[in-house]
Amino acid sequence: MSNATLRAYCQTNRHTIEVSGNRWWTKVTLLHGSDPAWVSNHYVRTAAPKVPHLPSC
């Protein structure tokens, strides 16, 4: 999803999967509700490599 606003719940370091050198992934849903999904922090604004103040899963 391009330029979507998602609700973030937590993040984890998936040691075997990385996108452009970033191994952190965030668990998200759509704001109006959806099944949870994972997005690489490489695509999350303000993540470098982790999202500040977002707890670990």
PDB file of N, CA and C in Angstrom:
ATOM      1  N   MET A   1       0.849  -1.174   0.000  1.00  0.00           N
ATOM      2  CA  MET A   1       0.000   0.000   0.000  1.00  0.00           C
ATOM      3  C   MET A   1       0.891   1.233   0.000  1.00  0.00           C
ATOM      4  N   SER A   2       0.626   2.109  -0.886  1.00  0.00           N
ATOM      5  CA  SER A   2       1.426   3.311  -0.997  1.00  0.00           C
ATOM      6  C   SER A   2       0.789   4.449  -0.203  1.00  0.00           C
ATOM      7  N   ASN A   3       1.587   5.097   0.610  1.00  0.00           N
ATOM      8  CA  ASN A   3       1.138   6.246   1.403  1.00  0.00           C
ATOM      9  C   ASN A   3      -0.063   5.925   2.285  1.00  0.00           C
ATOM     10  N   ALA A   4      -0.162   4.716   2.753  1.00  0.00           N
ATOM     11  CA  ALA A   4      -1.258   4.324   3.637  1.00  0.00           C
ATOM     12  C   ALA A   4      -0.894   4.638   5.079  1.00  0.00           C
ATOM     13  N   THR A   5      -1.895   4.957   5.881  1.00  0.00           N
ATOM     14  CA  THR A   5      -1.697   5.130   7.316  1.00  0.00           C
ATOM     15  C   THR A   5      -2.161   3.855   7.988  1.00  0.00           C
ATOM     16  N   LEU A   6      -1.265   3.225   8.719  1.00  0.00           N
ATOM     17  CA  LEU A   6      -1.544   1.946   9.367  1.00  0.00           C
ATOM     18  C   LEU A   6      -1.376   2.078  10.872  1.00  0.00           C
ATOM     19  N   ARG A   7      -2.001   1.210  11.613  1.00  0.00           N
ATOM     20  CA  ARG A   7      -1.843   1.159  13.065  1.00  0.00           C
ATOM     21  C   ARG A   7      -0.725   0.158  13.371  1.00  0.00           C
ATOM     22  N   ALA A   8       0.312   0.606  14.062  1.00  0.00           N
ATOM     23  CA  ALA A   8       1.452  -0.242  14.414  1.00  0.00           C
ATOM     24  C   ALA A   8       1.285  -0.745  15.850  1.00  0.00           C
ATOM     25  N   TYR A   9       1.587  -2.028  16.058  1.00  0.00           N
ATOM     26  CA  TYR A   9       1.432  -2.647  17.376  1.00  0.00           C
ATOM     27  C   TYR A   9       2.764  -2.940  18.055  1.00  0.00           C
ATOM     28  N   CYS A  10       3.688  -3.509  17.307  1.00  0.00           N
ATOM     29  CA  CYS A  10       4.983  -3.874  17.877  1.00  0.00           C
ATOM     30  C   CYS A  10       5.946  -4.157  16.729  1.00  0.00           C
ATOM     31  N   GLN A  11       7.212  -4.361  17.054  1.00  0.00           N
ATOM     32  CA  GLN A  11       8.211  -4.649  16.031  1.00  0.00           C
ATOM     33  C   GLN A  11       9.144  -5.750  16.498  1.00  0.00           C
ATOM     34  N   THR A  12       9.741  -6.429  15.529  1.00  0.00           N
ATOM     35  CA  THR A  12      10.636  -7.532  15.846  1.00  0.00           C
ATOM     36  C   THR A  12      11.798  -7.543  14.866  1.00  0.00           C
ATOM     37  N   ASN A  13      12.897  -8.115  15.295  1.00  0.00           N
ATOM     38  CA  ASN A  13      14.082  -8.254  14.456  1.00  0.00           C
ATOM     39  C   ASN A  13      14.062  -9.664  13.887  1.00  0.00           C
ATOM     40  N   ARG A  14      13.715  -9.789  12.620  1.00  0.00           N
ATOM     41  CA  ARG A  14      13.684 -11.094  11.939  1.00  0.00           C
ATOM     42  C   ARG A  14      15.048 -11.297  11.286  1.00  0.00           C
ATOM     43  N   HIS A  15      15.891 -12.015  11.977  1.00  0.00           N
ATOM     44  CA  HIS A  15      17.307 -12.128  11.598  1.00  0.00           C
ATOM     45  C   HIS A  15      17.542 -12.670  10.193  1.00  0.00           C
ATOM     46  N   THR A  16      16.614 -13.424   9.640  1.00  0.00           N
ATOM     47  CA  THR A  16      16.866 -14.046   8.337  1.00  0.00           C
ATOM     48  C   THR A  16      16.266 -13.285   7.165  1.00  0.00           C
ATOM     49  N   ILE A  17      15.416 -12.308   7.436  1.00  0.00           N
ATOM     50  CA  ILE A  17      14.761 -11.570   6.357  1.00  0.00           C
ATOM     51  C   ILE A  17      15.088 -10.090   6.506  1.00  0.00           C
ATOM     52  N   GLU A  18      15.698  -9.514   5.480  1.00  0.00           N
ATOM     53  CA  GLU A  18      15.994  -8.086   5.542  1.00  0.00           C
ATOM     54  C   GLU A  18      15.631  -7.419   4.217  1.00  0.00           C
ATOM     55  N   VAL A  19      15.298  -6.137   4.307  1.00  0.00           N
ATOM     56  CA  VAL A  19      15.001  -5.328   3.130  1.00  0.00           C
ATOM     57  C   VAL A  19      15.965  -4.146   3.146  1.00  0.00           C
ATOM     58  N   SER A  20      16.805  -4.078   2.160  1.00  0.00           N
ATOM     59  CA  SER A  20      17.809  -3.001   2.047  1.00  0.00           C
ATOM     60  C   SER A  20      18.627  -2.854   3.331  1.00  0.00           C
ATOM     61  N   GLY A  21      19.015  -3.977   3.922  1.00  0.00           N
ATOM     62  CA  GLY A  21      19.846  -3.970   5.120  1.00  0.00           C
ATOM     63  C   GLY A  21      19.097  -3.828   6.428  1.00  0.00           C
ATOM     64  N   ASN A  22      17.784  -3.640   6.396  1.00  0.00           N
ATOM     65  CA  ASN A  22      17.000  -3.470   7.628  1.00  0.00           C
ATOM     66  C   ASN A  22      16.289  -4.779   7.945  1.00  0.00           C
ATOM     67  N   ARG A  23      16.562  -5.320   9.137  1.00  0.00           N
ATOM     68  CA  ARG A  23      15.960  -6.592   9.558  1.00  0.00           C
ATOM     69  C   ARG A  23      14.775  -6.415  10.505  1.00  0.00           C
ATOM     70  N   TRP A  24      14.370  -5.187  10.768  1.00  0.00           N
ATOM     71  CA  TRP A  24      13.253  -4.932  11.674  1.00  0.00           C
ATOM     72  C   TRP A  24      11.940  -4.892  10.903  1.00  0.00           C
ATOM     73  N   TRP A  25      10.901  -5.510  11.487  1.00  0.00           N
ATOM     74  CA  TRP A  25       9.573  -5.592  10.883  1.00  0.00           C
ATOM     75  C   TRP A  25       8.540  -5.149  11.907  1.00  0.00           C
ATOM     76  N   THR A  26       7.486  -4.465  11.449  1.00  0.00           N
ATOM     77  CA  THR A  26       6.433  -3.952  12.318  1.00  0.00           C
ATOM     78  C   THR A  26       5.113  -4.655  12.006  1.00  0.00           C
ATOM     79  N   LYS A  27       4.408  -5.054  13.082  1.00  0.00           N
ATOM     80  CA  LYS A  27       3.086  -5.672  12.949  1.00  0.00           C
ATOM     81  C   LYS A  27       2.061  -4.554  12.844  1.00  0.00           C
ATOM     82  N   VAL A  28       1.239  -4.573  11.773  1.00  0.00           N
ATOM     83  CA  VAL A  28       0.310  -3.477  11.489  1.00  0.00           C
ATOM     84  C   VAL A  28      -1.079  -4.002  11.124  1.00  0.00           C
ATOM     85  N   THR A  29      -2.067  -3.096  11.212  1.00  0.00           N
ATOM     86  CA  THR A  29      -3.401  -3.309  10.651  1.00  0.00           C
ATOM     87  C   THR A  29      -3.832  -2.009   9.991  1.00  0.00           C
ATOM     88  N   LEU A  30      -4.858  -2.080   9.162  1.00  0.00           N
ATOM     89  CA  LEU A  30      -5.461  -0.871   8.634  1.00  0.00           C
ATOM     90  C   LEU A  30      -6.157  -0.139   9.775  1.00  0.00           C
ATOM     91  N   LEU A  31      -6.296   1.168   9.692  1.00  0.00           N
ATOM     92  CA  LEU A  31      -6.921   1.947  10.761  1.00  0.00           C
ATOM     93  C   LEU A  31      -8.364   1.523  11.020  1.00  0.00           C
ATOM     94  N   HIS A  32      -9.102   1.158   9.978  1.00  0.00           N
ATOM     95  CA  HIS A  32     -10.508   0.759  10.147  1.00  0.00           C
ATOM     96  C   HIS A  32     -10.652  -0.726  10.436  1.00  0.00           C
ATOM     97  N   GLY A  33      -9.523  -1.420  10.641  1.00  0.00           N
ATOM     98  CA  GLY A  33      -9.550  -2.839  10.985  1.00  0.00           C
ATOM     99  C   GLY A  33      -9.182  -3.722   9.811  1.00  0.00           C
ATOM    100  N   SER A  34      -8.435  -4.754  10.099  1.00  0.00           N
ATOM    101  CA  SER A  34      -8.033  -5.748   9.110  1.00  0.00           C
ATOM    102  C   SER A  34      -7.272  -6.837   9.853  1.00  0.00           C
ATOM    103  N   ASP A  35      -6.966  -7.908   9.162  1.00  0.00           N
ATOM    104  CA  ASP A  35      -6.092  -8.914   9.746  1.00  0.00           C
ATOM    105  C   ASP A  35      -4.710  -8.305   9.905  1.00  0.00           C
ATOM    106  N   PRO A  36      -3.969  -8.700  10.949  1.00  0.00           N
ATOM    107  CA  PRO A  36      -2.607  -8.184  11.123  1.00  0.00           C
ATOM    108  C   PRO A  36      -1.710  -8.614   9.964  1.00  0.00           C
ATOM    109  N   ALA A  37      -0.756  -7.769   9.662  1.00  0.00           N
ATOM    110  CA  ALA A  37       0.242  -8.057   8.636  1.00  0.00           C
ATOM    111  C   ALA A  37       1.581  -7.510   9.107  1.00  0.00           C
ATOM    112  N   TRP A  38       2.635  -7.885   8.433  1.00  0.00           N
ATOM    113  CA  TRP A  38       3.978  -7.412   8.774  1.00  0.00           C
ATOM    114  C   TRP A  38       4.503  -6.557   7.634  1.00  0.00           C
ATOM    115  N   VAL A  39       5.151  -5.444   7.970  1.00  0.00           N
ATOM    116  CA  VAL A  39       5.771  -4.572   6.981  1.00  0.00           C
ATOM    117  C   VAL A  39       7.211  -4.308   7.416  1.00  0.00           C
ATOM    118  N   SER A  40       8.109  -4.340   6.457  1.00  0.00           N
ATOM    119  CA  SER A  40       9.506  -4.053   6.764  1.00  0.00           C
ATOM    120  C   SER A  40       9.646  -2.604   7.226  1.00  0.00           C
ATOM    121  N   ASN A  41      10.451  -2.379   8.253  1.00  0.00           N
ATOM    122  CA  ASN A  41      10.687  -1.017   8.727  1.00  0.00           C
ATOM    123  C   ASN A  41      11.395  -0.159   7.677  1.00  0.00           C
ATOM    124  N   HIS A  42      11.946  -0.788   6.677  1.00  0.00           N
ATOM    125  CA  HIS A  42      12.533  -0.030   5.569  1.00  0.00           C
ATOM    126  C   HIS A  42      11.483   0.887   4.930  1.00  0.00           C
ATOM    127  N   TYR A  43      10.226   0.468   4.950  1.00  0.00           N
ATOM    128  CA  TYR A  43       9.142   1.228   4.332  1.00  0.00           C
ATOM    129  C   TYR A  43       8.376   2.111   5.315  1.00  0.00           C
ATOM    130  N   VAL A  44       8.769   2.109   6.584  1.00  0.00           N
ATOM    131  CA  VAL A  44       8.054   2.879   7.607  1.00  0.00           C
ATOM    132  C   VAL A  44       8.755   4.221   7.815  1.00  0.00           C
ATOM    133  N   ARG A  45       7.993   5.287   7.699  1.00  0.00           N
ATOM    134  CA  ARG A  45       8.557   6.613   7.937  1.00  0.00           C
ATOM    135  C   ARG A  45       8.997   6.698   9.395  1.00  0.00           C
ATOM    136  N   THR A  46      10.097   7.309   9.660  1.00  0.00           N
ATOM    137  CA  THR A  46      10.728   7.530  10.973  1.00  0.00           C
ATOM    138  C   THR A  46      11.437   6.302  11.513  1.00  0.00           C
ATOM    139  N   ALA A  47      11.476   5.204  10.799  1.00  0.00           N
ATOM    140  CA  ALA A  47      12.180   4.008  11.282  1.00  0.00           C
ATOM    141  C   ALA A  47      13.618   4.035  10.780  1.00  0.00           C
ATOM    142  N   ALA A  48      14.569   3.922  11.712  1.00  0.00           N
ATOM    143  CA  ALA A  48      15.974   3.940  11.305  1.00  0.00           C
ATOM    144  C   ALA A  48      16.879   3.228  12.303  1.00  0.00           C
ATOM    145  N   PRO A  49      17.023   1.939  12.356  1.00  0.00           N
ATOM    146  CA  PRO A  49      16.232   0.918  11.661  1.00  0.00           C
ATOM    147  C   PRO A  49      14.964   0.545  12.401  1.00  0.00           C
ATOM    148  N   LYS A  50      14.811   1.012  13.664  1.00  0.00           N
ATOM    149  CA  LYS A  50      13.625   0.695  14.455  1.00  0.00           C
ATOM    150  C   LYS A  50      12.698   1.902  14.520  1.00  0.00           C
ATOM    151  N   VAL A  51      11.427   1.644  14.800  1.00  0.00           N
ATOM    152  CA  VAL A  51      10.467   2.717  15.020  1.00  0.00           C
ATOM    153  C   VAL A  51      10.620   3.192  16.469  1.00  0.00           C
ATOM    154  N   PRO A  52      10.916   4.469  16.695  1.00  0.00           N
ATOM    155  CA  PRO A  52      11.080   4.951  18.066  1.00  0.00           C
ATOM    156  C   PRO A  52       9.828   4.728  18.915  1.00  0.00           C
ATOM    157  N   HIS A  53      10.020   4.302  20.134  1.00  0.00           N
ATOM    158  CA  HIS A  53       8.973   4.140  21.147  1.00  0.00           C
ATOM    159  C   HIS A  53       7.949   3.039  20.846  1.00  0.00           C
ATOM    160  N   LEU A  54       8.191   2.213  19.827  1.00  0.00           N
ATOM    161  CA  LEU A  54       7.302   1.092  19.534  1.00  0.00           C
ATOM    162  C   LEU A  54       7.886  -0.142  20.221  1.00  0.00           C
ATOM    163  N   PRO A  55       7.096  -0.843  21.041  1.00  0.00           N
ATOM    164  CA  PRO A  55       7.634  -1.980  21.787  1.00  0.00           C
ATOM    165  C   PRO A  55       7.995  -3.153  20.875  1.00  0.00           C
ATOM    166  N   SER A  56       8.823  -4.028  21.403  1.00  0.00           N
ATOM    167  CA  SER A  56       9.142  -5.268  20.714  1.00  0.00           C
ATOM    168  C   SER A  56       8.021  -6.268  20.879  1.00  0.00           C
ATOM    169  N   CYS A  57       7.875  -7.142  19.897  1.00  0.00           N
ATOM    170  CA  CYS A  57       6.843  -8.190  19.958  1.00  0.00           C
ATOM    171  C   CYS A  57       7.365  -9.375  20.749  1.00  0.00           C
TER     172      CYS A  57
END
